[in-house]
Amino acid sequence: MVWKIEVSETAEKQLAKLDKPVARRLLSFLRERLALIDDPRSIGQALRGSELGEFWKYRVGEWRLICQIRDTQIRINVIRIGNRREVYR
């Protein structure tokens, strides 16, 4: 199954601020690993908290991708991208 990856405007801005090699690495992860896997929950972790239950985090080195998985639409929405020190604020 191939998942459709959608990047929010906020995440696009955050991605544009990163160094080119880091941005390429994150995009490569999205296209080559996350989009092609049968169950994207198998390589991520659910965020904890009553308001965060529908969000998942993916670790790529010291960078984090905060995503929302839409099973019915076979879609993964990338909400935020950032360093692990900053992305959860």
PDB file of N, CA and C in Angstrom:
ATOM      1  N   MET A   1       0.843  -1.170   0.000  1.00  0.00           N
ATOM      2  CA  MET A   1       0.000   0.000   0.000  1.00  0.00           C
ATOM      3  C   MET A   1       0.895   1.243   0.000  1.00  0.00           C
ATOM      4  N   VAL A   2       0.551   2.222  -0.788  1.00  0.00           N
ATOM      5  CA  VAL A   2       1.315   3.465  -0.845  1.00  0.00           C
ATOM      6  C   VAL A   2       0.491   4.573  -0.188  1.00  0.00           C
ATOM      7  N   TRP A   3       1.082   5.201   0.816  1.00  0.00           N
ATOM      8  CA  TRP A   3       0.425   6.284   1.527  1.00  0.00           C
ATOM      9  C   TRP A   3       0.741   7.601   0.835  1.00  0.00           C
ATOM     10  N   LYS A   4      -0.235   8.489   0.800  1.00  0.00           N
ATOM     11  CA  LYS A   4      -0.019   9.823   0.238  1.00  0.00           C
ATOM     12  C   LYS A   4       0.501  10.714   1.362  1.00  0.00           C
ATOM     13  N   ILE A   5       1.603  11.400   1.114  1.00  0.00           N
ATOM     14  CA  ILE A   5       2.210  12.288   2.102  1.00  0.00           C
ATOM     15  C   ILE A   5       1.824  13.722   1.767  1.00  0.00           C
ATOM     16  N   GLU A   6       1.250  14.420   2.736  1.00  0.00           N
ATOM     17  CA  GLU A   6       0.922  15.836   2.570  1.00  0.00           C
ATOM     18  C   GLU A   6       1.651  16.624   3.647  1.00  0.00           C
ATOM     19  N   VAL A   7       2.310  17.685   3.243  1.00  0.00           N
ATOM     20  CA  VAL A   7       3.084  18.514   4.166  1.00  0.00           C
ATOM     21  C   VAL A   7       2.337  19.830   4.371  1.00  0.00           C
ATOM     22  N   SER A   8       2.068  20.170   5.629  1.00  0.00           N
ATOM     23  CA  SER A   8       1.350  21.411   5.934  1.00  0.00           C
ATOM     24  C   SER A   8       2.223  22.623   5.615  1.00  0.00           C
ATOM     25  N   GLU A   9       1.595  23.791   5.537  1.00  0.00           N
ATOM     26  CA  GLU A   9       2.345  25.024   5.268  1.00  0.00           C
ATOM     27  C   GLU A   9       3.377  25.279   6.353  1.00  0.00           C
ATOM     28  N   THR A  10       3.000  25.039   7.598  1.00  0.00           N
ATOM     29  CA  THR A  10       3.923  25.228   8.714  1.00  0.00           C
ATOM     30  C   THR A  10       5.132  24.321   8.567  1.00  0.00           C
ATOM     31  N   ALA A  11       4.891  23.059   8.258  1.00  0.00           N
ATOM     32  CA  ALA A  11       5.986  22.105   8.096  1.00  0.00           C
ATOM     33  C   ALA A  11       6.857  22.465   6.892  1.00  0.00           C
ATOM     34  N   GLU A  12       6.252  22.976   5.823  1.00  0.00           N
ATOM     35  CA  GLU A  12       7.034  23.395   4.653  1.00  0.00           C
ATOM     36  C   GLU A  12       7.969  24.542   5.005  1.00  0.00           C
ATOM     37  N   LYS A  13       7.483  25.495   5.788  1.00  0.00           N
ATOM     38  CA  LYS A  13       8.321  26.616   6.220  1.00  0.00           C
ATOM     39  C   LYS A  13       9.462  26.121   7.103  1.00  0.00           C
ATOM     40  N   GLN A  14       9.151  25.193   8.003  1.00  0.00           N
ATOM     41  CA  GLN A  14      10.184  24.646   8.875  1.00  0.00           C
ATOM     42  C   GLN A  14      11.217  23.877   8.067  1.00  0.00           C
ATOM     43  N   LEU A  15      10.778  23.156   7.067  1.00  0.00           N
ATOM     44  CA  LEU A  15      11.670  22.390   6.201  1.00  0.00           C
ATOM     45  C   LEU A  15      12.570  23.322   5.387  1.00  0.00           C
ATOM     46  N   ALA A  16      12.029  24.436   4.922  1.00  0.00           N
ATOM     47  CA  ALA A  16      12.799  25.387   4.113  1.00  0.00           C
ATOM     48  C   ALA A  16      13.917  26.048   4.915  1.00  0.00           C
ATOM     49  N   LYS A  17      13.757  26.139   6.232  1.00  0.00           N
ATOM     50  CA  LYS A  17      14.771  26.760   7.082  1.00  0.00           C
ATOM     51  C   LYS A  17      15.947  25.830   7.374  1.00  0.00           C
ATOM     52  N   LEU A  18      15.792  24.552   7.109  1.00  0.00           N
ATOM     53  CA  LEU A  18      16.838  23.580   7.420  1.00  0.00           C
ATOM     54  C   LEU A  18      17.924  23.573   6.355  1.00  0.00           C
ATOM     55  N   ASP A  19      19.093  23.053   6.731  1.00  0.00           N
ATOM     56  CA  ASP A  19      20.169  22.858   5.757  1.00  0.00           C
ATOM     57  C   ASP A  19      19.685  21.900   4.679  1.00  0.00           C
ATOM     58  N   LYS A  20      20.183  22.068   3.474  1.00  0.00           N
ATOM     59  CA  LYS A  20      19.756  21.235   2.337  1.00  0.00           C
ATOM     60  C   LYS A  20      19.956  19.740   2.585  1.00  0.00           C
ATOM     61  N   PRO A  21      21.114  19.294   3.114  1.00  0.00           N
ATOM     62  CA  PRO A  21      21.274  17.841   3.338  1.00  0.00           C
ATOM     63  C   PRO A  21      20.269  17.282   4.351  1.00  0.00           C
ATOM     64  N   VAL A  22      19.972  18.057   5.380  1.00  0.00           N
ATOM     65  CA  VAL A  22      19.000  17.618   6.392  1.00  0.00           C
ATOM     66  C   VAL A  22      17.609  17.540   5.770  1.00  0.00           C
ATOM     67  N   ALA A  23      17.236  18.553   5.012  1.00  0.00           N
ATOM     68  CA  ALA A  23      15.923  18.566   4.357  1.00  0.00           C
ATOM     69  C   ALA A  23      15.791  17.386   3.399  1.00  0.00           C
ATOM     70  N   ARG A  24      16.856  17.103   2.645  1.00  0.00           N
ATOM     71  CA  ARG A  24      16.819  15.961   1.720  1.00  0.00           C
ATOM     72  C   ARG A  24      16.666  14.649   2.475  1.00  0.00           C
ATOM     73  N   ARG A  25      17.345  14.537   3.604  1.00  0.00           N
ATOM     74  CA  ARG A  25      17.254  13.315   4.406  1.00  0.00           C
ATOM     75  C   ARG A  25      15.830  13.107   4.930  1.00  0.00           C
ATOM     76  N   LEU A  26      15.205  14.172   5.393  1.00  0.00           N
ATOM     77  CA  LEU A  26      13.838  14.072   5.907  1.00  0.00           C
ATOM     78  C   LEU A  26      12.845  13.742   4.793  1.00  0.00           C
ATOM     79  N   LEU A  27      12.994  14.389   3.647  1.00  0.00           N
ATOM     80  CA  LEU A  27      12.109  14.099   2.514  1.00  0.00           C
ATOM     81  C   LEU A  27      12.308  12.679   2.004  1.00  0.00           C
ATOM     82  N   SER A  28      13.550  12.222   2.020  1.00  0.00           N
ATOM     83  CA  SER A  28      13.841  10.851   1.608  1.00  0.00           C
ATOM     84  C   SER A  28      13.160   9.860   2.546  1.00  0.00           C
ATOM     85  N   PHE A  29      13.193  10.141   3.849  1.00  0.00           N
ATOM     86  CA  PHE A  29      12.517   9.287   4.821  1.00  0.00           C
ATOM     87  C   PHE A  29      11.019   9.227   4.524  1.00  0.00           C
ATOM     88  N   LEU A  30      10.423  10.382   4.252  1.00  0.00           N
ATOM     89  CA  LEU A  30       8.986  10.424   3.971  1.00  0.00           C
ATOM     90  C   LEU A  30       8.633   9.631   2.725  1.00  0.00           C
ATOM     91  N   ARG A  31       9.397   9.818   1.661  1.00  0.00           N
ATOM     92  CA  ARG A  31       9.080   9.174   0.375  1.00  0.00           C
ATOM     93  C   ARG A  31       9.442   7.695   0.333  1.00  0.00           C
ATOM     94  N   GLU A  32      10.609   7.357   0.860  1.00  0.00           N
ATOM     95  CA  GLU A  32      11.134   6.003   0.681  1.00  0.00           C
ATOM     96  C   GLU A  32      10.790   5.043   1.806  1.00  0.00           C
ATOM     97  N   ARG A  33      10.543   5.550   2.997  1.00  0.00           N
ATOM     98  CA  ARG A  33      10.202   4.644   4.093  1.00  0.00           C
ATOM     99  C   ARG A  33       8.745   4.755   4.494  1.00  0.00           C
ATOM    100  N   LEU A  34       8.320   5.951   4.812  1.00  0.00           N
ATOM    101  CA  LEU A  34       6.982   6.125   5.376  1.00  0.00           C
ATOM    102  C   LEU A  34       5.876   5.904   4.347  1.00  0.00           C
ATOM    103  N   ALA A  35       6.035   6.416   3.157  1.00  0.00           N
ATOM    104  CA  ALA A  35       4.982   6.300   2.141  1.00  0.00           C
ATOM    105  C   ALA A  35       4.803   4.871   1.651  1.00  0.00           C
ATOM    106  N   LEU A  36       5.845   4.067   1.715  1.00  0.00           N
ATOM    107  CA  LEU A  36       5.793   2.721   1.136  1.00  0.00           C
ATOM    108  C   LEU A  36       5.481   1.615   2.136  1.00  0.00           C
ATOM    109  N   ILE A  37       5.430   1.937   3.410  1.00  0.00           N
ATOM    110  CA  ILE A  37       5.213   0.916   4.432  1.00  0.00           C
ATOM    111  C   ILE A  37       3.714   0.606   4.544  1.00  0.00           C
ATOM    112  N   ASP A  38       3.386  -0.635   4.883  1.00  0.00           N
ATOM    113  CA  ASP A  38       1.976  -1.020   5.015  1.00  0.00           C
ATOM    114  C   ASP A  38       1.301  -0.360   6.215  1.00  0.00           C
ATOM    115  N   ASP A  39       2.006  -0.321   7.350  1.00  0.00           N
ATOM    116  CA  ASP A  39       1.449   0.279   8.559  1.00  0.00           C
ATOM    117  C   ASP A  39       2.424   1.324   9.091  1.00  0.00           C
ATOM    118  N   PRO A  40       2.173   2.614   8.858  1.00  0.00           N
ATOM    119  CA  PRO A  40       3.107   3.647   9.301  1.00  0.00           C
ATOM    120  C   PRO A  40       3.233   3.738  10.820  1.00  0.00           C
ATOM    121  N   ARG A  41       2.297   3.168  11.539  1.00  0.00           N
ATOM    122  CA  ARG A  41       2.386   3.178  13.002  1.00  0.00           C
ATOM    123  C   ARG A  41       3.475   2.236  13.522  1.00  0.00           C
ATOM    124  N   SER A  42       3.897   1.307  12.688  1.00  0.00           N
ATOM    125  CA  SER A  42       4.885   0.320  13.134  1.00  0.00           C
ATOM    126  C   SER A  42       6.274   0.920  13.327  1.00  0.00           C
ATOM    127  N   ILE A  43       6.574   2.056  12.704  1.00  0.00           N
ATOM    128  CA  ILE A  43       7.901   2.655  12.871  1.00  0.00           C
ATOM    129  C   ILE A  43       7.848   3.986  13.618  1.00  0.00           C
ATOM    130  N   GLY A  44       6.660   4.407  14.045  1.00  0.00           N
ATOM    131  CA  GLY A  44       6.528   5.663  14.778  1.00  0.00           C
ATOM    132  C   GLY A  44       6.061   5.418  16.197  1.00  0.00           C
ATOM    133  N   GLN A  45       5.884   6.509  16.930  1.00  0.00           N
ATOM    134  CA  GLN A  45       5.363   6.427  18.285  1.00  0.00           C
ATOM    135  C   GLN A  45       4.212   7.412  18.416  1.00  0.00           C
ATOM    136  N   ALA A  46       3.167   6.979  19.091  1.00  0.00           N
ATOM    137  CA  ALA A  46       2.031   7.862  19.333  1.00  0.00           C
ATOM    138  C   ALA A  46       2.427   8.901  20.372  1.00  0.00           C
ATOM    139  N   LEU A  47       1.993  10.131  20.162  1.00  0.00           N
ATOM    140  CA  LEU A  47       2.223  11.160  21.166  1.00  0.00           C
ATOM    141  C   LEU A  47       1.249  10.938  22.305  1.00  0.00           C
ATOM    142  N   ARG A  48       1.702  11.214  23.510  1.00  0.00           N
ATOM    143  CA  ARG A  48       0.870  10.992  24.689  1.00  0.00           C
ATOM    144  C   ARG A  48       0.104  12.252  25.041  1.00  0.00           C
ATOM    145  N   GLY A  49      -1.036  12.057  25.653  1.00  0.00           N
ATOM    146  CA  GLY A  49      -1.857  13.181  26.078  1.00  0.00           C
ATOM    147  C   GLY A  49      -3.223  13.112  25.428  1.00  0.00           C
ATOM    148  N   SER A  50      -4.210  13.635  26.116  1.00  0.00           N
ATOM    149  CA  SER A  50      -5.580  13.547  25.612  1.00  0.00           C
ATOM    150  C   SER A  50      -5.767  14.310  24.304  1.00  0.00           C
ATOM    151  N   GLU A  51      -5.078  15.424  24.138  1.00  0.00           N
ATOM    152  CA  GLU A  51      -5.218  16.220  22.918  1.00  0.00           C
ATOM    153  C   GLU A  51      -4.286  15.750  21.807  1.00  0.00           C
ATOM    154  N   LEU A  52      -3.317  14.922  22.142  1.00  0.00           N
ATOM    155  CA  LEU A  52      -2.299  14.516  21.174  1.00  0.00           C
ATOM    156  C   LEU A  52      -2.462  13.090  20.696  1.00  0.00           C
ATOM    157  N   GLY A  53      -3.539  12.435  21.066  1.00  0.00           N
ATOM    158  CA  GLY A  53      -3.720  11.025  20.766  1.00  0.00           C
ATOM    159  C   GLY A  53      -3.729  10.657  19.299  1.00  0.00           C
ATOM    160  N   GLU A  54      -4.081  11.581  18.434  1.00  0.00           N
ATOM    161  CA  GLU A  54      -4.156  11.256  17.009  1.00  0.00           C
ATOM    162  C   GLU A  54      -2.862  11.580  16.269  1.00  0.00           C
ATOM    163  N   PHE A  55      -1.858  12.082  16.972  1.00  0.00           N
ATOM    164  CA  PHE A  55      -0.601  12.456  16.333  1.00  0.00           C
ATOM    165  C   PHE A  55       0.488  11.421  16.597  1.00  0.00           C
ATOM    166  N   TRP A  56       1.370  11.280  15.619  1.00  0.00           N
ATOM    167  CA  TRP A  56       2.473  10.335  15.700  1.00  0.00           C
ATOM    168  C   TRP A  56       3.772  11.057  15.446  1.00  0.00           C
ATOM    169  N   LYS A  57       4.845  10.584  16.091  1.00  0.00           N
ATOM    170  CA  LYS A  57       6.158  11.181  15.850  1.00  0.00           C
ATOM    171  C   LYS A  57       7.062  10.149  15.199  1.00  0.00           C
ATOM    172  N   TYR A  58       7.903  10.652  14.326  1.00  0.00           N
ATOM    173  CA  TYR A  58       8.895   9.825  13.647  1.00  0.00           C
ATOM    174  C   TYR A  58      10.253  10.450  13.885  1.00  0.00           C
ATOM    175  N   ARG A  59      11.214   9.631  14.225  1.00  0.00           N
ATOM    176  CA  ARG A  59      12.552  10.097  14.542  1.00  0.00           C
ATOM    177  C   ARG A  59      13.472   9.842  13.361  1.00  0.00           C
ATOM    178  N   VAL A  60      14.150  10.893  12.919  1.00  0.00           N
ATOM    179  CA  VAL A  60      15.152  10.795  11.863  1.00  0.00           C
ATOM    180  C   VAL A  60      16.382  11.505  12.412  1.00  0.00           C
ATOM    181  N   GLY A  61      17.284  10.738  13.030  1.00  0.00           N
ATOM    182  CA  GLY A  61      18.427  11.346  13.708  1.00  0.00           C
ATOM    183  C   GLY A  61      17.936  12.183  14.870  1.00  0.00           C
ATOM    184  N   GLU A  62      18.372  13.435  14.921  1.00  0.00           N
ATOM    185  CA  GLU A  62      17.918  14.322  15.994  1.00  0.00           C
ATOM    186  C   GLU A  62      16.684  15.134  15.589  1.00  0.00           C
ATOM    187  N   TRP A  63      16.147  14.841  14.434  1.00  0.00           N
ATOM    188  CA  TRP A  63      14.982  15.550  13.911  1.00  0.00           C
ATOM    189  C   TRP A  63      13.712  14.743  14.147  1.00  0.00           C
ATOM    190  N   ARG A  64      12.603  15.454  14.320  1.00  0.00           N
ATOM    191  CA  ARG A  64      11.319  14.809  14.548  1.00  0.00           C
ATOM    192  C   ARG A  64      10.300  15.298  13.524  1.00  0.00           C
ATOM    193  N   LEU A  65       9.480  14.368  13.090  1.00  0.00           N
ATOM    194  CA  LEU A  65       8.359  14.671  12.203  1.00  0.00           C
ATOM    195  C   LEU A  65       7.089  14.370  12.987  1.00  0.00           C
ATOM    196  N   ILE A  66       6.232  15.349  13.143  1.00  0.00           N
ATOM    197  CA  ILE A  66       4.956  15.156  13.825  1.00  0.00           C
ATOM    198  C   ILE A  66       3.895  15.008  12.738  1.00  0.00           C
ATOM    199  N   CYS A  67       3.206  13.877  12.763  1.00  0.00           N
ATOM    200  CA  CYS A  67       2.277  13.551  11.674  1.00  0.00           C
ATOM    201  C   CYS A  67       0.919  13.135  12.216  1.00  0.00           C
ATOM    202  N   GLN A  68      -0.049  13.235  11.348  1.00  0.00           N
ATOM    203  CA  GLN A  68      -1.402  12.763  11.619  1.00  0.00           C
ATOM    204  C   GLN A  68      -1.724  11.724  10.549  1.00  0.00           C
ATOM    205  N   ILE A  69      -2.144  10.551  10.974  1.00  0.00           N
ATOM    206  CA  ILE A  69      -2.416   9.458  10.042  1.00  0.00           C
ATOM    207  C   ILE A  69      -3.924   9.368   9.805  1.00  0.00           C
ATOM    208  N   ARG A  70      -4.311   9.416   8.541  1.00  0.00           N
ATOM    209  CA  ARG A  70      -5.718   9.301   8.141  1.00  0.00           C
ATOM    210  C   ARG A  70      -5.906   7.974   7.414  1.00  0.00           C
ATOM    211  N   ASP A  71      -6.365   6.961   8.134  1.00  0.00           N
ATOM    212  CA  ASP A  71      -6.514   5.620   7.560  1.00  0.00           C
ATOM    213  C   ASP A  71      -7.531   5.567   6.428  1.00  0.00           C
ATOM    214  N   THR A  72      -8.646   6.238   6.592  1.00  0.00           N
ATOM    215  CA  THR A  72      -9.708   6.148   5.589  1.00  0.00           C
ATOM    216  C   THR A  72      -9.301   6.766   4.254  1.00  0.00           C
ATOM    217  N   GLN A  73      -8.403   7.750   4.301  1.00  0.00           N
ATOM    218  CA  GLN A  73      -7.957   8.424   3.080  1.00  0.00           C
ATOM    219  C   GLN A  73      -6.590   7.935   2.605  1.00  0.00           C
ATOM    220  N   ILE A  74      -5.993   7.013   3.364  1.00  0.00           N
ATOM    221  CA  ILE A  74      -4.638   6.517   3.096  1.00  0.00           C
ATOM    222  C   ILE A  74      -3.704   7.718   2.920  1.00  0.00           C
ATOM    223  N   ARG A  75      -3.685   8.563   3.945  1.00  0.00           N
ATOM    224  CA  ARG A  75      -2.953   9.817   3.882  1.00  0.00           C
ATOM    225  C   ARG A  75      -2.216  10.066   5.197  1.00  0.00           C
ATOM    226  N   ILE A  76      -1.012  10.602   5.093  1.00  0.00           N
ATOM    227  CA  ILE A  76      -0.238  11.017   6.253  1.00  0.00           C
ATOM    228  C   ILE A  76       0.007  12.510   6.118  1.00  0.00           C
ATOM    229  N   ASN A  77      -0.490  13.275   7.085  1.00  0.00           N
ATOM    230  CA  ASN A  77      -0.297  14.723   7.085  1.00  0.00           C
ATOM    231  C   ASN A  77       0.884  15.058   7.990  1.00  0.00           C
ATOM    232  N   VAL A  78       1.894  15.696   7.443  1.00  0.00           N
ATOM    233  CA  VAL A  78       3.043  16.140   8.232  1.00  0.00           C
ATOM    234  C   VAL A  78       2.682  17.509   8.797  1.00  0.00           C
ATOM    235  N   ILE A  79       2.618  17.597  10.121  1.00  0.00           N
ATOM    236  CA  ILE A  79       2.169  18.812  10.790  1.00  0.00           C
ATOM    237  C   ILE A  79       3.338  19.715  11.156  1.00  0.00           C
ATOM    238  N   ARG A  80       4.387  19.135  11.738  1.00  0.00           N
ATOM    239  CA  ARG A  80       5.552  19.915  12.172  1.00  0.00           C
ATOM    240  C   ARG A  80       6.821  19.140  11.896  1.00  0.00           C
ATOM    241  N   ILE A  81       7.899  19.878  11.677  1.00  0.00           N
ATOM    242  CA  ILE A  81       9.228  19.306  11.492  1.00  0.00           C
ATOM    243  C   ILE A  81      10.186  20.146  12.315  1.00  0.00           C
ATOM    244  N   GLY A  82      11.024  19.497  13.102  1.00  0.00           N
ATOM    245  CA  GLY A  82      11.988  20.276  13.871  1.00  0.00           C
ATOM    246  C   GLY A  82      12.925  19.414  14.669  1.00  0.00           C
ATOM    247  N   ASN A  83      13.879  20.102  15.282  1.00  0.00           N
ATOM    248  CA  ASN A  83      14.819  19.449  16.175  1.00  0.00           C
ATOM    249  C   ASN A  83      14.065  18.984  17.408  1.00  0.00           C
ATOM    250  N   ARG A  84      14.518  17.918  18.002  1.00  0.00           N
ATOM    251  CA  ARG A  84      13.770  17.350  19.126  1.00  0.00           C
ATOM    252  C   ARG A  84      13.658  18.311  20.304  1.00  0.00           C
ATOM    253  N   ARG A  85      14.593  19.269  20.418  1.00  0.00           N
ATOM    254  CA  ARG A  85      14.521  20.249  21.513  1.00  0.00           C
ATOM    255  C   ARG A  85      13.375  21.230  21.313  1.00  0.00           C
ATOM    256  N   GLU A  86      12.991  21.481  20.061  1.00  0.00           N
ATOM    257  CA  GLU A  86      12.053  22.556  19.772  1.00  0.00           C
ATOM    258  C   GLU A  86      10.682  22.103  19.276  1.00  0.00           C
ATOM    259  N   VAL A  87      10.597  20.940  18.701  1.00  0.00           N
ATOM    260  CA  VAL A  87       9.382  20.551  17.973  1.00  0.00           C
ATOM    261  C   VAL A  87       8.168  20.354  18.878  1.00  0.00           C
ATOM    262  N   TYR A  88       8.376  20.054  20.140  1.00  0.00           N
ATOM    263  CA  TYR A  88       7.247  19.774  21.030  1.00  0.00           C
ATOM    264  C   TYR A  88       6.716  21.023  21.731  1.00  0.00           C
ATOM    265  N   ARG A  89       7.330  22.168  21.509  1.00  0.00           N
ATOM    266  CA  ARG A  89       6.900  23.399  22.196  1.00  0.00           C
ATOM    267  C   ARG A  89       5.728  24.029  21.518  1.00  0.00           C
TER     268      ARG A  89
END
